[in-house]
N, C-alpha and C. Protein backbone atom coordinates (compact mmCIF):
# COMPACT_ATOMS: atom_id res chain seq x y z
N UNK A 1 -21.09 -16.48 36.14
CA UNK A 1 -21.86 -15.36 36.65
C UNK A 1 -22.79 -15.95 37.73
N UNK A 2 -23.11 -17.22 37.86
CA UNK A 2 -23.91 -17.67 38.72
C UNK A 2 -23.28 -17.77 40.14
N UNK A 3 -21.91 -17.71 40.15
CA UNK A 3 -21.04 -17.73 41.27
C UNK A 3 -21.29 -16.27 42.05
N UNK A 4 -21.45 -15.23 41.13
CA UNK A 4 -21.63 -13.86 41.67
C UNK A 4 -22.90 -13.74 42.25
N UNK A 5 -23.98 -14.37 41.59
CA UNK A 5 -25.24 -14.26 42.32
C UNK A 5 -25.28 -14.88 43.54
N UNK A 6 -24.53 -16.12 43.61
CA UNK A 6 -24.65 -16.74 44.93
C UNK A 6 -23.98 -15.96 46.00
N UNK A 7 -22.88 -15.24 45.74
CA UNK A 7 -22.22 -14.36 46.69
C UNK A 7 -23.22 -13.21 47.09
N UNK A 8 -23.71 -12.60 46.00
CA UNK A 8 -24.75 -11.55 46.38
C UNK A 8 -25.82 -11.98 47.25
N UNK A 9 -26.50 -13.18 47.10
CA UNK A 9 -27.49 -13.76 48.03
C UNK A 9 -26.85 -13.83 49.35
N UNK A 10 -25.69 -14.51 49.45
CA UNK A 10 -25.02 -14.69 50.71
C UNK A 10 -24.82 -13.33 51.51
N UNK A 11 -24.47 -12.23 50.80
CA UNK A 11 -24.15 -10.96 51.37
C UNK A 11 -25.60 -10.42 51.91
N UNK A 12 -26.63 -10.61 51.07
CA UNK A 12 -27.91 -10.15 51.41
C UNK A 12 -28.42 -10.85 52.80
N UNK A 13 -28.12 -12.27 52.79
CA UNK A 13 -28.61 -12.78 54.00
C UNK A 13 -27.82 -12.30 55.28
N UNK A 14 -26.52 -12.05 55.07
CA UNK A 14 -25.81 -11.44 56.14
C UNK A 14 -26.33 -10.10 56.64
N UNK A 15 -26.74 -9.32 55.65
CA UNK A 15 -27.35 -8.02 56.00
C UNK A 15 -28.54 -8.35 56.78
N UNK A 16 -29.51 -9.24 56.19
CA UNK A 16 -30.78 -9.31 56.89
C UNK A 16 -30.67 -10.00 58.33
N UNK A 17 -29.60 -10.87 58.64
CA UNK A 17 -29.47 -11.35 59.94
C UNK A 17 -29.09 -10.11 60.83
N UNK A 18 -28.10 -9.36 60.42
CA UNK A 18 -27.63 -8.15 61.24
C UNK A 18 -28.82 -7.22 61.49
N UNK A 19 -29.53 -6.78 60.58
CA UNK A 19 -30.65 -5.91 60.68
C UNK A 19 -31.73 -6.46 61.55
N UNK A 20 -32.01 -7.76 61.32
CA UNK A 20 -32.96 -8.41 62.21
C UNK A 20 -32.59 -8.44 63.65
N UNK A 21 -31.26 -8.68 63.99
CA UNK A 21 -30.77 -8.68 65.29
C UNK A 21 -30.84 -7.30 65.96
N UNK A 22 -30.45 -6.24 65.17
CA UNK A 22 -30.42 -4.91 65.83
C UNK A 22 -31.84 -4.22 65.87
N UNK A 23 -32.72 -4.36 64.94
CA UNK A 23 -33.90 -3.63 64.75
C UNK A 23 -35.07 -4.39 65.32
N UNK A 24 -35.24 -5.66 65.13
CA UNK A 24 -36.40 -6.42 65.54
C UNK A 24 -36.09 -6.88 67.17
N UNK A 25 -34.79 -7.47 67.36
CA UNK A 25 -34.65 -7.98 68.73
C UNK A 25 -33.90 -7.12 69.59
N UNK A 26 -33.62 -5.76 69.16
CA UNK A 26 -32.87 -4.73 70.00
C UNK A 26 -31.70 -5.10 70.43
N UNK A 27 -30.98 -5.87 69.70
CA UNK A 27 -29.60 -6.20 70.17
C UNK A 27 -29.38 -7.21 71.27
N UNK A 28 -30.57 -7.89 71.61
CA UNK A 28 -30.37 -8.90 72.75
C UNK A 28 -29.64 -10.18 72.03
N UNK A 29 -29.75 -10.46 70.79
CA UNK A 29 -29.09 -11.66 70.16
C UNK A 29 -28.03 -11.31 69.37
N UNK A 30 -27.27 -10.16 69.75
CA UNK A 30 -26.27 -9.75 68.83
C UNK A 30 -25.18 -10.70 68.60
N UNK A 31 -24.75 -11.39 69.72
CA UNK A 31 -23.78 -12.46 69.69
C UNK A 31 -23.97 -13.51 68.83
N UNK A 32 -25.28 -14.01 68.86
CA UNK A 32 -25.72 -15.07 68.17
C UNK A 32 -25.80 -14.59 66.51
N UNK A 33 -26.18 -13.36 66.34
CA UNK A 33 -26.28 -12.96 65.02
C UNK A 33 -24.75 -12.69 64.29
N UNK A 34 -23.90 -12.28 65.23
CA UNK A 34 -22.52 -12.05 64.76
C UNK A 34 -21.91 -13.47 64.41
N UNK A 35 -22.14 -14.55 65.17
CA UNK A 35 -21.86 -15.88 64.85
C UNK A 35 -22.33 -16.29 63.64
N UNK A 36 -23.78 -16.15 63.49
CA UNK A 36 -24.37 -16.50 62.27
C UNK A 36 -23.82 -15.90 60.90
N UNK A 37 -23.43 -14.58 61.08
CA UNK A 37 -22.81 -13.79 59.91
C UNK A 37 -21.43 -14.40 59.63
N UNK A 38 -20.63 -14.73 60.79
CA UNK A 38 -19.36 -15.22 60.52
C UNK A 38 -19.43 -16.66 59.81
N UNK A 39 -20.46 -17.43 60.26
CA UNK A 39 -20.60 -18.84 59.58
C UNK A 39 -21.20 -18.68 58.16
N UNK A 40 -21.96 -17.80 57.91
CA UNK A 40 -22.43 -17.59 56.49
C UNK A 40 -21.31 -17.22 55.62
N UNK A 41 -20.47 -16.37 56.19
CA UNK A 41 -19.25 -15.86 55.45
C UNK A 41 -18.27 -16.97 55.06
N UNK A 42 -18.04 -17.72 56.14
CA UNK A 42 -17.12 -18.93 56.15
C UNK A 42 -17.54 -19.97 55.09
N UNK A 43 -18.82 -20.61 55.24
CA UNK A 43 -19.41 -21.43 54.40
C UNK A 43 -19.64 -20.99 52.94
N UNK A 44 -19.91 -19.66 52.90
CA UNK A 44 -20.16 -19.11 51.70
C UNK A 44 -18.88 -19.00 50.78
N UNK A 45 -17.80 -18.71 51.56
CA UNK A 45 -16.42 -18.73 50.80
C UNK A 45 -16.05 -19.94 50.47
N UNK A 46 -16.12 -21.02 51.35
CA UNK A 46 -15.93 -22.28 50.91
C UNK A 46 -16.57 -22.97 49.76
N UNK A 47 -17.92 -22.59 49.67
CA UNK A 47 -18.70 -23.01 48.66
C UNK A 47 -18.17 -22.32 47.29
N UNK A 48 -17.97 -20.99 47.44
CA UNK A 48 -17.46 -20.20 46.26
C UNK A 48 -16.30 -20.84 45.63
N UNK A 49 -15.23 -21.11 46.62
CA UNK A 49 -14.04 -21.47 46.01
C UNK A 49 -14.12 -22.96 45.40
N UNK A 50 -15.04 -23.81 46.19
CA UNK A 50 -15.11 -25.23 45.68
C UNK A 50 -15.92 -25.28 44.26
N UNK A 51 -16.86 -24.31 44.14
CA UNK A 51 -17.66 -24.26 42.91
C UNK A 51 -16.79 -23.85 41.82
N UNK A 52 -16.04 -22.95 42.12
CA UNK A 52 -15.05 -22.29 40.96
C UNK A 52 -14.07 -23.27 40.53
N UNK A 53 -13.61 -24.21 41.54
CA UNK A 53 -12.55 -25.05 41.17
C UNK A 53 -13.12 -26.38 40.66
N UNK A 54 -14.10 -26.96 41.15
CA UNK A 54 -14.62 -28.25 40.86
C UNK A 54 -15.67 -28.42 39.78
N UNK A 55 -16.48 -27.36 39.73
CA UNK A 55 -17.66 -27.50 38.75
C UNK A 55 -17.06 -27.12 37.39
N UNK A 56 -17.50 -27.95 36.30
CA UNK A 56 -16.95 -27.70 34.90
C UNK A 56 -17.36 -26.24 34.49
N UNK A 57 -16.56 -25.66 33.78
CA UNK A 57 -16.90 -24.29 33.19
C UNK A 57 -17.78 -24.49 32.10
N UNK A 58 -18.80 -23.38 32.00
CA UNK A 58 -19.72 -23.52 30.88
C UNK A 58 -19.06 -22.98 29.58
N UNK A 59 -19.60 -23.47 28.50
CA UNK A 59 -18.92 -22.99 27.33
C UNK A 59 -19.98 -22.24 26.34
């Protein structure tokens, strides 16, 4: 279940980055924000896959 929470937090961070870029900075840094969202997704997916595979399962 902790993996699901980790993915939820990652998705929330992606939304915050996008909303910050669009509403606070009026889209001036949208390319940087898009890059940040892609990197968050990429590293989050790698972490999720590694955690599910390598960490021992709880009993």
